[in-house]
């Protein structure tokens, strides 16, 4: 009688189990996934996996709900998964890829709300960046709260500037709050708001995203870094997007610092719909196809003239309308 090949025995005992989970970390080639029982799995993509209609540098993003196979063998001690399918997304935050103008990068998916962290100094957040971020969130119906951080560091003049900026976005319909991410009492309200939700923290490097996560849950110890003194800008401490579960409930997606935010896949004819203060005035324009730049009897231009639409918001809208399709990450358009 012939001896049975040991490899054959291994295959004989091999089974495949299909599971569902949520991607909580992406490192480019491997993905950390949490299943319904709270167990973590290391998963990878086998072969090509692409989303219809999206030319993305990262086909799978943090927050994605996926189906994956666990290949089990009798002799296996360490088990990994193979991602088979991405379930339909309810939304996502997307921007142009930094190096590939016609490709996109998805920051996070299936988000209940976003907290955009803004600082006036160390580093300075420009209104162009804020408005591009808000336009993308509006396009995918994601609520955004602006958190103005580091208020404990501001001078009296900077606090006045802060009040002016807050007023601009409050008048546009956005919730604006002031915080100091290092002070637990300043951000205690977030624990209740986040409970049971998936939320994303966005903003430039150095605005305090990781510090805020650490303050909300002392069991977490995300790496933080000092501001670069030579450029007054943040140093990248979060390399890959990652989702963290708070002890008090809910998930926070901490994203790498975003230097610039390029719009992608936008129909310029619809851009004004993503500015809430403009959207309400659209029926008052004389022409249905009004682009709100040079057309006569335009309600948007009239509101701008009468200071009912902030100058920075209107000028940033005009810049977005006038950009070439392939124009991206030019320093002057993010001011």
C-alpha atoms as a PDB file:
ATOM      1  CA  UNK A   1       0.000   0.000   0.000  1.00  0.00           C
ATOM      2  CA  UNK A   2       1.353   3.433  -0.988  1.00  0.00           C
ATOM      3  CA  UNK A   3       2.024   6.031   1.683  1.00  0.00           C
ATOM      4  CA  UNK A   4      -0.417   8.937   1.612  1.00  0.00           C
ATOM      5  CA  UNK A   5       1.182  12.296   0.787  1.00  0.00           C
ATOM      6  CA  UNK A   6       1.196  14.519   3.903  1.00  0.00           C
ATOM      7  CA  UNK A   7       0.317  17.567   1.785  1.00  0.00           C
ATOM      8  CA  UNK A   8      -2.778  15.778   0.609  1.00  0.00           C
ATOM      9  CA  UNK A   9      -3.821  15.260   4.247  1.00  0.00           C
ATOM     10  CA  UNK A  10      -3.430  18.965   4.924  1.00  0.00           C
ATOM     11  CA  UNK A  11      -5.683  19.883   2.001  1.00  0.00           C
ATOM     12  CA  UNK A  12      -8.207  17.275   3.051  1.00  0.00           C
ATOM     13  CA  UNK A  13      -8.727  19.012   6.392  1.00  0.00           C
ATOM     14  CA  UNK A  14      -8.868  22.497   4.868  1.00  0.00           C
ATOM     15  CA  UNK A  15     -12.148  24.412   5.079  1.00  0.00           C
ATOM     16  CA  UNK A  16     -13.184  27.918   4.127  1.00  0.00           C
ATOM     17  CA  UNK A  17     -15.371  30.028   6.397  1.00  0.00           C
ATOM     18  CA  UNK A  18     -17.037  33.178   5.037  1.00  0.00           C
ATOM     19  CA  UNK A  19     -17.292  35.991   7.565  1.00  0.00           C
ATOM     20  CA  UNK A  20     -18.317  39.646   7.591  1.00  0.00           C
ATOM     21  CA  UNK A  21     -16.442  42.467   9.289  1.00  0.00           C
ATOM     22  CA  UNK A  22     -15.363  46.091   9.292  1.00  0.00           C
ATOM     23  CA  UNK A  23     -11.957  47.326   8.149  1.00  0.00           C
ATOM     24  CA  UNK A  24     -10.356  49.180  11.058  1.00  0.00           C
ATOM     25  CA  UNK A  25      -6.852  49.682   9.661  1.00  0.00           C
ATOM     26  CA  UNK A  26      -5.260  49.782   6.229  1.00  0.00           C
ATOM     27  CA  UNK A  27      -1.524  49.537   5.653  1.00  0.00           C
ATOM     28  CA  UNK A  28      -1.684  49.266   1.883  1.00  0.00           C
ATOM     29  CA  UNK A  29      -1.240  45.521   1.536  1.00  0.00           C
ATOM     30  CA  UNK A  30      -2.779  44.152   4.754  1.00  0.00           C
ATOM     31  CA  UNK A  31      -6.019  45.136   6.447  1.00  0.00           C
ATOM     32  CA  UNK A  32      -7.021  44.771  10.081  1.00  0.00           C
ATOM     33  CA  UNK A  33     -10.661  43.661  10.289  1.00  0.00           C
ATOM     34  CA  UNK A  34     -13.003  43.356  13.280  1.00  0.00           C
ATOM     35  CA  UNK A  35     -15.894  40.902  13.057  1.00  0.00           C
ATOM     36  CA  UNK A  36     -19.293  40.972  14.796  1.00  0.00           C
ATOM     37  CA  UNK A  37     -17.836  39.145  17.822  1.00  0.00           C
ATOM     38  CA  UNK A  38     -15.101  41.744  18.275  1.00  0.00           C
ATOM     39  CA  UNK A  39     -12.334  39.419  17.055  1.00  0.00           C
ATOM     40  CA  UNK A  40      -9.541  40.949  14.972  1.00  0.00           C
ATOM     41  CA  UNK A  41      -8.324  39.389  11.733  1.00  0.00           C
ATOM     42  CA  UNK A  42      -5.409  40.201   9.433  1.00  0.00           C
ATOM     43  CA  UNK A  43      -6.738  40.145   5.881  1.00  0.00           C
ATOM     44  CA  UNK A  44      -5.344  40.710   2.416  1.00  0.00           C
ATOM     45  CA  UNK A  45      -6.599  40.987  -1.144  1.00  0.00           C
ATOM     46  CA  UNK A  46      -6.004  38.053  -3.443  1.00  0.00           C
ATOM     47  CA  UNK A  47      -6.005  39.135  -7.075  1.00  0.00           C
ATOM     48  CA  UNK A  48      -7.618  42.360  -8.260  1.00  0.00           C
ATOM     49  CA  UNK A  49     -10.450  43.947  -6.360  1.00  0.00           C
ATOM     50  CA  UNK A  50     -11.804  47.202  -7.759  1.00  0.00           C
ATOM     51  CA  UNK A  51     -14.916  49.281  -7.293  1.00  0.00           C
ATOM     52  CA  UNK A  52     -17.057  50.106 -10.293  1.00  0.00           C
ATOM     53  CA  UNK A  53     -16.712  53.735 -11.303  1.00  0.00           C
ATOM     54  CA  UNK A  54     -13.981  54.627  -8.781  1.00  0.00           C
ATOM     55  CA  UNK A  55     -10.342  54.797  -9.893  1.00  0.00           C
ATOM     56  CA  UNK A  56      -8.905  54.728  -6.408  1.00  0.00           C
ATOM     57  CA  UNK A  57      -5.382  54.216  -5.137  1.00  0.00           C
ATOM     58  CA  UNK A  58      -6.927  52.288  -2.238  1.00  0.00           C
ATOM     59  CA  UNK A  59      -9.817  50.027  -3.285  1.00  0.00           C
ATOM     60  CA  UNK A  60     -10.510  49.215   0.371  1.00  0.00           C
ATOM     61  CA  UNK A  61     -10.786  51.954   2.991  1.00  0.00           C
ATOM     62  CA  UNK A  62     -11.107  52.120   6.750  1.00  0.00           C
ATOM     63  CA  UNK A  63     -14.795  51.818   7.644  1.00  0.00           C
ATOM     64  CA  UNK A  64     -15.597  49.492   4.749  1.00  0.00           C
ATOM     65  CA  UNK A  65     -17.897  46.575   5.491  1.00  0.00           C
ATOM     66  CA  UNK A  66     -16.484  43.472   3.813  1.00  0.00           C
ATOM     67  CA  UNK A  67     -16.898  39.745   3.383  1.00  0.00           C
ATOM     68  CA  UNK A  68     -13.773  37.646   3.840  1.00  0.00           C
ATOM     69  CA  UNK A  69     -12.746  34.002   3.866  1.00  0.00           C
ATOM     70  CA  UNK A  70     -10.873  32.388   6.724  1.00  0.00           C
ATOM     71  CA  UNK A  71      -8.959  29.389   5.470  1.00  0.00           C
ATOM     72  CA  UNK A  72      -8.658  26.925   8.302  1.00  0.00           C
ATOM     73  CA  UNK A  73      -6.458  23.851   8.373  1.00  0.00           C
ATOM     74  CA  UNK A  74      -5.980  21.334  11.111  1.00  0.00           C
ATOM     75  CA  UNK A  75      -2.327  22.237  11.580  1.00  0.00           C
ATOM     76  CA  UNK A  76      -2.704  26.050  11.229  1.00  0.00           C
ATOM     77  CA  UNK A  77      -2.099  28.096  14.339  1.00  0.00           C
ATOM     78  CA  UNK A  78      -2.097  31.563  12.758  1.00  0.00           C
ATOM     79  CA  UNK A  79      -5.138  32.285  10.603  1.00  0.00           C
ATOM     80  CA  UNK A  80      -5.496  35.084   8.097  1.00  0.00           C
ATOM     81  CA  UNK A  81      -8.346  36.177   5.883  1.00  0.00           C
ATOM     82  CA  UNK A  82      -8.843  36.853   2.200  1.00  0.00           C
ATOM     83  CA  UNK A  83     -11.165  39.739   1.320  1.00  0.00           C
ATOM     84  CA  UNK A  84     -13.735  38.596  -1.234  1.00  0.00           C
ATOM     85  CA  UNK A  85     -16.241  41.436  -1.438  1.00  0.00           C
ATOM     86  CA  UNK A  86     -16.796  45.053  -0.385  1.00  0.00           C
ATOM     87  CA  UNK A  87     -20.389  45.628   0.680  1.00  0.00           C
ATOM     88  CA  UNK A  88     -22.191  48.741  -0.660  1.00  0.00           C
ATOM     89  CA  UNK A  89     -20.986  51.976   0.937  1.00  0.00           C
ATOM     90  CA  UNK A  90     -23.461  54.495   2.316  1.00  0.00           C
ATOM     91  CA  UNK A  91     -20.866  57.282   1.881  1.00  0.00           C
ATOM     92  CA  UNK A  92     -17.164  58.065   1.888  1.00  0.00           C
ATOM     93  CA  UNK A  93     -14.721  60.985   2.048  1.00  0.00           C
ATOM     94  CA  UNK A  94     -12.614  61.114  -1.094  1.00  0.00           C
ATOM     95  CA  UNK A  95      -9.935  63.431  -2.484  1.00  0.00           C
ATOM     96  CA  UNK A  96      -7.543  63.542  -5.415  1.00  0.00           C
ATOM     97  CA  UNK A  97      -4.468  61.396  -5.058  1.00  0.00           C
ATOM     98  CA  UNK A  98      -1.437  63.574  -4.318  1.00  0.00           C
ATOM     99  CA  UNK A  99       0.727  62.208  -7.127  1.00  0.00           C
ATOM    100  CA  UNK A 100      -1.910  61.014  -9.597  1.00  0.00           C
ATOM    101  CA  UNK A 101      -4.316  63.797 -10.535  1.00  0.00           C
ATOM    102  CA  UNK A 102      -6.821  61.489 -12.230  1.00  0.00           C
ATOM    103  CA  UNK A 103      -6.868  58.980  -9.391  1.00  0.00           C
ATOM    104  CA  UNK A 104      -8.584  59.283  -6.052  1.00  0.00           C
ATOM    105  CA  UNK A 105      -7.822  58.339  -2.466  1.00  0.00           C
ATOM    106  CA  UNK A 106     -10.622  57.353  -0.102  1.00  0.00           C
ATOM    107  CA  UNK A 107      -9.941  58.553   3.430  1.00  0.00           C
ATOM    108  CA  UNK A 108     -12.756  56.641   5.134  1.00  0.00           C
ATOM    109  CA  UNK A 109     -16.119  55.019   4.375  1.00  0.00           C
ATOM    110  CA  UNK A 110     -19.512  54.522   6.059  1.00  0.00           C
ATOM    111  CA  UNK A 111     -19.167  57.526   8.343  1.00  0.00           C
ATOM    112  CA  UNK A 112     -21.937  58.873  10.587  1.00  0.00           C
ATOM    113  CA  UNK A 113     -20.323  62.278  10.966  1.00  0.00           C
ATOM    114  CA  UNK A 114     -17.008  64.105  10.591  1.00  0.00           C
ATOM    115  CA  UNK A 115     -15.211  66.381  13.017  1.00  0.00           C
ATOM    116  CA  UNK A 116     -12.919  68.684  11.054  1.00  0.00           C
ATOM    117  CA  UNK A 117     -10.238  70.001  13.390  1.00  0.00           C
ATOM    118  CA  UNK A 118      -9.116  73.551  12.594  1.00  0.00           C
ATOM    119  CA  UNK A 119      -6.283  75.634  14.041  1.00  0.00           C
ATOM    120  CA  UNK A 120      -5.440  79.260  13.334  1.00  0.00           C
ATOM    121  CA  UNK A 121      -1.742  78.841  14.151  1.00  0.00           C
ATOM    122  CA  UNK A 122       0.737  75.978  14.495  1.00  0.00           C
ATOM    123  CA  UNK A 123      -0.387  75.066  11.854  1.00  0.00           C
ATOM    124  CA  UNK A 124      -2.711  77.521  10.124  1.00  0.00           C
ATOM    125  CA  UNK A 125      -5.771  76.012   8.446  1.00  0.00           C
ATOM    126  CA  UNK A 126      -6.724  77.962   5.338  1.00  0.00           C
ATOM    127  CA  UNK A 127     -10.362  78.516   4.373  1.00  0.00           C
ATOM    128  CA  UNK A 128      -9.668  76.996   0.935  1.00  0.00           C
ATOM    129  CA  UNK A 129      -8.866  73.678   2.590  1.00  0.00           C
ATOM    130  CA  UNK A 130     -11.908  73.874   4.866  1.00  0.00           C
ATOM    131  CA  UNK A 131     -14.292  74.675   2.017  1.00  0.00           C
ATOM    132  CA  UNK A 132     -13.031  71.870  -0.222  1.00  0.00           C
ATOM    133  CA  UNK A 133     -13.395  69.407   2.623  1.00  0.00           C
ATOM    134  CA  UNK A 134     -16.929  70.636   3.373  1.00  0.00           C
ATOM    135  CA  UNK A 135     -17.954  70.423  -0.293  1.00  0.00           C
ATOM    136  CA  UNK A 136     -16.917  66.757  -0.436  1.00  0.00           C
ATOM    137  CA  UNK A 137     -18.792  65.962   2.778  1.00  0.00           C
ATOM    138  CA  UNK A 138     -21.908  67.760   1.473  1.00  0.00           C
ATOM    139  CA  UNK A 139     -21.772  65.743  -1.740  1.00  0.00           C
ATOM    140  CA  UNK A 140     -22.047  62.510   0.228  1.00  0.00           C
ATOM    141  CA  UNK A 141     -24.472  63.852   2.865  1.00  0.00           C
ATOM    142  CA  UNK A 142     -22.019  63.540   5.756  1.00  0.00           C
ATOM    143  CA  UNK A 143     -22.654  65.976   8.644  1.00  0.00           C
ATOM    144  CA  UNK A 144     -19.588  68.006   9.644  1.00  0.00           C
ATOM    145  CA  UNK A 145     -18.788  69.767  12.907  1.00  0.00           C
ATOM    146  CA  UNK A 146     -15.855  72.189  12.937  1.00  0.00           C
ATOM    147  CA  UNK A 147     -13.721  71.881  16.065  1.00  0.00           C
ATOM    148  CA  UNK A 148     -11.485  74.930  16.547  1.00  0.00           C
ATOM    149  CA  UNK A 149      -8.625  73.509  18.593  1.00  0.00           C
ATOM    150  CA  UNK A 150      -5.757  74.953  20.689  1.00  0.00           C
ATOM    151  CA  UNK A 151      -7.786  77.894  22.017  1.00  0.00           C
ATOM    152  CA  UNK A 152      -5.593  77.846  25.136  1.00  0.00           C
ATOM    153  CA  UNK A 153      -2.653  79.002  22.968  1.00  0.00           C
ATOM    154  CA  UNK A 154      -4.262  81.961  21.191  1.00  0.00           C
ATOM    155  CA  UNK A 155      -3.579  85.634  21.789  1.00  0.00           C
ATOM    156  CA  UNK A 156      -6.430  88.124  22.184  1.00  0.00           C
ATOM    157  CA  UNK A 157      -6.083  89.110  18.519  1.00  0.00           C
ATOM    158  CA  UNK A 158      -6.170  85.478  17.420  1.00  0.00           C
ATOM    159  CA  UNK A 159      -9.280  84.855  19.518  1.00  0.00           C
ATOM    160  CA  UNK A 160     -10.984  87.704  17.657  1.00  0.00           C
ATOM    161  CA  UNK A 161      -9.941  86.131  14.369  1.00  0.00           C
ATOM    162  CA  UNK A 162     -11.342  82.834  15.619  1.00  0.00           C
ATOM    163  CA  UNK A 163     -14.701  84.421  16.403  1.00  0.00           C
ATOM    164  CA  UNK A 164     -14.833  85.868  12.885  1.00  0.00           C
ATOM    165  CA  UNK A 165     -14.065  82.517  11.272  1.00  0.00           C
ATOM    166  CA  UNK A 166     -16.611  80.729  13.438  1.00  0.00           C
ATOM    167  CA  UNK A 167     -19.247  83.242  12.396  1.00  0.00           C
ATOM    168  CA  UNK A 168     -18.543  82.585   8.708  1.00  0.00           C
ATOM    169  CA  UNK A 169     -19.235  78.874   9.060  1.00  0.00           C
ATOM    170  CA  UNK A 170     -22.088  79.195  11.519  1.00  0.00           C
ATOM    171  CA  UNK A 171     -23.829  81.532   9.050  1.00  0.00           C
ATOM    172  CA  UNK A 172     -23.244  78.905   6.360  1.00  0.00           C
ATOM    173  CA  UNK A 173     -25.092  76.371   8.517  1.00  0.00           C
ATOM    174  CA  UNK A 174     -22.253  74.482  10.194  1.00  0.00           C
ATOM    175  CA  UNK A 175     -21.891  73.680  13.856  1.00  0.00           C
ATOM    176  CA  UNK A 176     -18.687  75.235  15.238  1.00  0.00           C
ATOM    177  CA  UNK A 177     -17.152  74.520  18.644  1.00  0.00           C
ATOM    178  CA  UNK A 178     -13.958  75.630  20.409  1.00  0.00           C
ATOM    179  CA  UNK A 179     -11.868  73.075  22.270  1.00  0.00           C
ATOM    180  CA  UNK A 180      -8.488  72.356  23.790  1.00  0.00           C
ATOM    181  CA  UNK A 181      -7.735  68.735  22.865  1.00  0.00           C
ATOM    182  CA  UNK A 182      -5.387  68.322  25.833  1.00  0.00           C
ATOM    183  CA  UNK A 183      -8.057  69.213  28.390  1.00  0.00           C
ATOM    184  CA  UNK A 184     -10.482  66.363  29.120  1.00  0.00           C
ATOM    185  CA  UNK A 185     -13.212  68.698  30.387  1.00  0.00           C
ATOM    186  CA  UNK A 186     -13.112  70.589  27.076  1.00  0.00           C
ATOM    187  CA  UNK A 187     -13.977  67.514  24.989  1.00  0.00           C
ATOM    188  CA  UNK A 188     -16.062  65.445  27.403  1.00  0.00           C
ATOM    189  CA  UNK A 189     -19.200  66.117  25.325  1.00  0.00           C
ATOM    190  CA  UNK A 190     -17.711  64.136  22.422  1.00  0.00           C
ATOM    191  CA  UNK A 191     -17.923  60.834  24.313  1.00  0.00           C
ATOM    192  CA  UNK A 192     -21.711  61.041  24.367  1.00  0.00           C
ATOM    193  CA  UNK A 193     -21.930  62.211  20.759  1.00  0.00           C
ATOM    194  CA  UNK A 194     -19.704  59.435  19.435  1.00  0.00           C
ATOM    195  CA  UNK A 195     -21.275  56.573  21.380  1.00  0.00           C
ATOM    196  CA  UNK A 196     -22.668  53.996  18.981  1.00  0.00           C
ATOM    197  CA  UNK A 197     -21.360  55.834  15.906  1.00  0.00           C
ATOM    198  CA  UNK A 198     -18.477  55.747  13.459  1.00  0.00           C
ATOM    199  CA  UNK A 199     -16.955  59.219  13.257  1.00  0.00           C
ATOM    200  CA  UNK A 200     -13.938  60.591  11.443  1.00  0.00           C
ATOM    201  CA  UNK A 201     -11.408  63.147  12.657  1.00  0.00           C
ATOM    202  CA  UNK A 202      -9.909  65.140   9.782  1.00  0.00           C
ATOM    203  CA  UNK A 203      -7.505  68.043   9.382  1.00  0.00           C
ATOM    204  CA  UNK A 204      -3.895  69.018   8.719  1.00  0.00           C
ATOM    205  CA  UNK A 205      -0.992  67.303  10.453  1.00  0.00           C
ATOM    206  CA  UNK A 206      -0.385  68.945  13.811  1.00  0.00           C
ATOM    207  CA  UNK A 207      -3.935  70.196  14.469  1.00  0.00           C
ATOM    208  CA  UNK A 208      -4.354  67.729  17.334  1.00  0.00           C
ATOM    209  CA  UNK A 209      -6.300  64.754  15.958  1.00  0.00           C
ATOM    210  CA  UNK A 210      -4.260  62.090  17.726  1.00  0.00           C
ATOM    211  CA  UNK A 211      -4.059  64.167  20.925  1.00  0.00           C
ATOM    212  CA  UNK A 212      -7.846  64.431  20.915  1.00  0.00           C
ATOM    213  CA  UNK A 213      -8.265  60.655  20.535  1.00  0.00           C
ATOM    214  CA  UNK A 214      -5.864  60.051  23.445  1.00  0.00           C
ATOM    215  CA  UNK A 215      -7.768  62.513  25.636  1.00  0.00           C
ATOM    216  CA  UNK A 216     -11.094  60.851  24.880  1.00  0.00           C
ATOM    217  CA  UNK A 217      -9.778  57.425  25.896  1.00  0.00           C
ATOM    218  CA  UNK A 218      -6.734  57.140  28.139  1.00  0.00           C
ATOM    219  CA  UNK A 219      -6.378  53.465  27.180  1.00  0.00           C
ATOM    220  CA  UNK A 220      -5.280  54.630  23.743  1.00  0.00           C
ATOM    221  CA  UNK A 221      -1.816  56.047  23.206  1.00  0.00           C
ATOM    222  CA  UNK A 222      -1.588  57.332  19.672  1.00  0.00           C
ATOM    223  CA  UNK A 223       1.739  58.853  18.744  1.00  0.00           C
ATOM    224  CA  UNK A 224       1.885  62.642  18.713  1.00  0.00           C
ATOM    225  CA  UNK A 225       4.652  65.021  17.663  1.00  0.00           C
ATOM    226  CA  UNK A 226       5.728  68.606  18.028  1.00  0.00           C
ATOM    227  CA  UNK A 227       5.102  71.249  15.372  1.00  0.00           C
ATOM    228  CA  UNK A 228       7.988  71.922  12.991  1.00  0.00           C
ATOM    229  CA  UNK A 229       9.405  75.278  14.122  1.00  0.00           C
ATOM    230  CA  UNK A 230      10.895  76.053  10.715  1.00  0.00           C
ATOM    231  CA  UNK A 231       7.632  75.725   8.790  1.00  0.00           C
ATOM    232  CA  UNK A 232       5.008  76.072  11.581  1.00  0.00           C
ATOM    233  CA  UNK A 233       3.435  72.928  10.207  1.00  0.00           C
ATOM    234  CA  UNK A 234       2.593  69.538  11.607  1.00  0.00           C
ATOM    235  CA  UNK A 235       4.761  66.451  11.372  1.00  0.00           C
ATOM    236  CA  UNK A 236       3.042  63.284  10.169  1.00  0.00           C
ATOM    237  CA  UNK A 237       2.439  60.974  13.121  1.00  0.00           C
ATOM    238  CA  UNK A 238      -0.454  58.927  11.710  1.00  0.00           C
ATOM    239  CA  UNK A 239       0.850  57.030   8.677  1.00  0.00           C
ATOM    240  CA  UNK A 240      -2.266  55.033   7.871  1.00  0.00           C
ATOM    241  CA  UNK A 241      -5.940  55.622   8.616  1.00  0.00           C
ATOM    242  CA  UNK A 242      -7.102  53.609  11.602  1.00  0.00           C
ATOM    243  CA  UNK A 243     -10.358  53.146  13.488  1.00  0.00           C
ATOM    244  CA  UNK A 244     -10.310  52.964  17.285  1.00  0.00           C
ATOM    245  CA  UNK A 245     -13.052  51.742  19.607  1.00  0.00           C
ATOM    246  CA  UNK A 246     -13.588  53.973  22.634  1.00  0.00           C
ATOM    247  CA  UNK A 247     -14.144  52.402  26.040  1.00  0.00           C
ATOM    248  CA  UNK A 248     -17.267  54.556  26.354  1.00  0.00           C
ATOM    249  CA  UNK A 249     -18.602  53.269  23.019  1.00  0.00           C
ATOM    250  CA  UNK A 250     -18.324  54.226  19.374  1.00  0.00           C
ATOM    251  CA  UNK A 251     -15.489  54.290  16.871  1.00  0.00           C
ATOM    252  CA  UNK A 252     -13.139  57.100  15.883  1.00  0.00           C
ATOM    253  CA  UNK A 253     -11.353  57.065  12.538  1.00  0.00           C
ATOM    254  CA  UNK A 254      -8.037  58.892  12.845  1.00  0.00           C
ATOM    255  CA  UNK A 255      -6.681  59.847   9.428  1.00  0.00           C
ATOM    256  CA  UNK A 256      -3.180  60.897   8.328  1.00  0.00           C
ATOM    257  CA  UNK A 257      -2.717  64.645   8.249  1.00  0.00           C
ATOM    258  CA  UNK A 258      -4.088  66.120   5.023  1.00  0.00           C
ATOM    259  CA  UNK A 259      -1.866  68.810   3.506  1.00  0.00           C
ATOM    260  CA  UNK A 260      -4.196  69.627   0.624  1.00  0.00           C
ATOM    261  CA  UNK A 261      -7.648  68.575  -0.455  1.00  0.00           C
ATOM    262  CA  UNK A 262      -8.283  68.230  -4.181  1.00  0.00           C
ATOM    263  CA  UNK A 263     -11.830  67.740  -5.450  1.00  0.00           C
ATOM    264  CA  UNK A 264     -12.520  64.851  -7.792  1.00  0.00           C
ATOM    265  CA  UNK A 265     -15.457  63.667  -9.905  1.00  0.00           C
ATOM    266  CA  UNK A 266     -17.435  66.888  -9.425  1.00  0.00           C
ATOM    267  CA  UNK A 267     -19.830  68.359 -11.952  1.00  0.00           C
ATOM    268  CA  UNK A 268     -19.120  72.078 -11.766  1.00  0.00           C
ATOM    269  CA  UNK A 269     -22.735  72.820 -12.672  1.00  0.00           C
ATOM    270  CA  UNK A 270     -23.688  71.309  -9.304  1.00  0.00           C
ATOM    271  CA  UNK A 271     -20.915  72.835  -7.179  1.00  0.00           C
ATOM    272  CA  UNK A 272     -23.129  75.593  -5.739  1.00  0.00           C
ATOM    273  CA  UNK A 273     -25.474  72.902  -4.393  1.00  0.00           C
ATOM    274  CA  UNK A 274     -22.731  71.916  -1.945  1.00  0.00           C
ATOM    275  CA  UNK A 275     -22.539  75.381  -0.374  1.00  0.00           C
ATOM    276  CA  UNK A 276     -25.584  75.406   1.966  1.00  0.00           C
ATOM    277  CA  UNK A 277     -25.870  79.197   2.047  1.00  0.00           C
ATOM    278  CA  UNK A 278     -25.892  79.261  -1.772  1.00  0.00           C
ATOM    279  CA  UNK A 279     -28.206  76.292  -2.184  1.00  0.00           C
ATOM    280  CA  UNK A 280     -31.069  78.093  -0.477  1.00  0.00           C
ATOM    281  CA  UNK A 281     -30.798  80.993  -2.950  1.00  0.00           C
ATOM    282  CA  UNK A 282     -30.589  79.012  -6.208  1.00  0.00           C
ATOM    283  CA  UNK A 283     -34.324  79.313  -7.051  1.00  0.00           C
ATOM    284  CA  UNK A 284     -33.947  83.118  -6.994  1.00  0.00           C
ATOM    285  CA  UNK A 285     -31.435  83.242  -9.871  1.00  0.00           C
ATOM    286  CA  UNK A 286     -32.896  84.372 -13.211  1.00  0.00           C
ATOM    287  CA  UNK A 287     -31.275  81.541 -15.191  1.00  0.00           C
ATOM    288  CA  UNK A 288     -31.526  77.842 -14.302  1.00  0.00           C
ATOM    289  CA  UNK A 289     -27.976  77.240 -15.554  1.00  0.00           C
ATOM    290  CA  UNK A 290     -26.494  80.215 -13.701  1.00  0.00           C
ATOM    291  CA  UNK A 291     -22.904  79.629 -12.594  1.00  0.00           C
ATOM    292  CA  UNK A 292     -23.012  82.607 -10.199  1.00  0.00           C
ATOM    293  CA  UNK A 293     -19.913  84.368 -11.526  1.00  0.00           C
ATOM    294  CA  UNK A 294     -20.815  86.808 -14.320  1.00  0.00           C
ATOM    295  CA  UNK A 295     -24.467  86.123 -15.089  1.00  0.00           C
ATOM    296  CA  UNK A 296     -27.038  88.935 -14.700  1.00  0.00           C
ATOM    297  CA  UNK A 297     -29.673  88.906 -11.961  1.00  0.00           C
ATOM    298  CA  UNK A 298     -27.810  86.246  -9.973  1.00  0.00           C
ATOM    299  CA  UNK A 299     -29.076  85.820  -6.398  1.00  0.00           C
ATOM    300  CA  UNK A 300     -25.720  84.400  -5.250  1.00  0.00           C
ATOM    301  CA  UNK A 301     -23.698  87.384  -6.506  1.00  0.00           C
ATOM    302  CA  UNK A 302     -26.233  89.759  -4.967  1.00  0.00           C
ATOM    303  CA  UNK A 303     -25.985  87.984  -1.613  1.00  0.00           C
ATOM    304  CA  UNK A 304     -22.191  88.257  -1.799  1.00  0.00           C
ATOM    305  CA  UNK A 305     -22.410  92.006  -2.533  1.00  0.00           C
ATOM    306  CA  UNK A 306     -24.743  92.431   0.459  1.00  0.00           C
ATOM    307  CA  UNK A 307     -22.406  90.418   2.768  1.00  0.00           C
ATOM    308  CA  UNK A 308     -24.980  87.655   3.199  1.00  0.00           C
ATOM    309  CA  UNK A 309     -22.399  85.229   1.817  1.00  0.00           C
ATOM    310  CA  UNK A 310     -18.898  85.452   3.265  1.00  0.00           C
ATOM    311  CA  UNK A 311     -16.211  86.778   0.938  1.00  0.00           C
ATOM    312  CA  UNK A 312     -13.871  83.836   1.592  1.00  0.00           C
ATOM    313  CA  UNK A 313     -16.601  81.314   0.834  1.00  0.00           C
ATOM    314  CA  UNK A 314     -17.628  82.986  -2.412  1.00  0.00           C
ATOM    315  CA  UNK A 315     -14.047  83.475  -3.637  1.00  0.00           C
ATOM    316  CA  UNK A 316     -13.186  79.860  -2.853  1.00  0.00           C
ATOM    317  CA  UNK A 317     -16.262  78.814  -4.844  1.00  0.00           C
ATOM    318  CA  UNK A 318     -15.053  80.880  -7.813  1.00  0.00           C
ATOM    319  CA  UNK A 319     -11.560  79.320  -7.586  1.00  0.00           C
ATOM    320  CA  UNK A 320     -13.061  75.820  -7.640  1.00  0.00           C
ATOM    321  CA  UNK A 321     -15.172  76.731 -10.660  1.00  0.00           C
ATOM    322  CA  UNK A 322     -12.192  78.138 -12.548  1.00  0.00           C
ATOM    323  CA  UNK A 323      -9.759  75.289 -11.865  1.00  0.00           C
ATOM    324  CA  UNK A 324      -8.709  73.077 -14.752  1.00  0.00           C
ATOM    325  CA  UNK A 325      -9.773  69.441 -14.552  1.00  0.00           C
ATOM    326  CA  UNK A 326      -6.215  68.255 -13.939  1.00  0.00           C
ATOM    327  CA  UNK A 327      -5.223  71.102 -11.632  1.00  0.00           C
ATOM    328  CA  UNK A 328      -4.461  69.814  -8.154  1.00  0.00           C
ATOM    329  CA  UNK A 329      -2.435  70.633  -5.066  1.00  0.00           C
ATOM    330  CA  UNK A 330      -1.084  73.951  -6.299  1.00  0.00           C
ATOM    331  CA  UNK A 331      -0.131  75.892  -3.204  1.00  0.00           C
ATOM    332  CA  UNK A 332      -1.998  79.077  -4.069  1.00  0.00           C
ATOM    333  CA  UNK A 333      -5.418  77.456  -4.520  1.00  0.00           C
ATOM    334  CA  UNK A 334      -5.419  76.156  -0.968  1.00  0.00           C
ATOM    335  CA  UNK A 335      -5.165  79.575   0.619  1.00  0.00           C
END
